[in-house]
Amino acid sequence: MHAGGDTMLRFVMAVVLLLPALAWAGDQDSIGYVKTVKGGAFVIDGGKPVRAAPGTPIRMGNTLKTGPDGSMGVTFKDNTVMSFGPDTALTVDEYLYAPGNDNLKFGTTVSKGSLQVVSGVIARLKPNSVRMKTPTGTIGIRGTRYLVRVEPQNGGEKP
């Protein structure tokens, strides 16, 4: 390969490596992104539902919902991964991720449905700062993989 070809290859490799960082930098308010979607799934931001698609940003205060035929995968900045089953609703109540300043907090509320969670950096560095509320109790997360299933209360969904 010539010197010009090597330079072009290095340029293309640098661009490919920087794309994820540029995506995070381009949306400062996002705390995560939708990675996979199947069937009906929505991100509710300020009361407005947006059909979820790979790359849809997640912000604090958003509610993530899947329909009866839906599933969705989400990855947060600290590498927490959530896999939503059908007919699930979760609200991100609080999210602080600044490990250099010891500002770590992740709080969610699951009102119905099922999901699998693989906890990320926040749960590993500060396990007492990760909480998941359900209609019947609060779960403290100590850095692990777990499943949650919440049945709707009184036949309806709690906010």
Foldseek 3Di string as FASTA:
>chain_A
DDPVVVVVVVVVVVCVVCVVVVLCVVCVQFFKWWQDKDAFKWKQDPNRTDTHDGGHGHGAFIKIFAAQGMWTWMAGPQGKIKIFDHGWIKHFHDADDDVVVPTGATEMETFFGKMKIQDGDSLDVPQQRYWYHYPVGIDRGNGGIDMDGHHHDPPDTDD
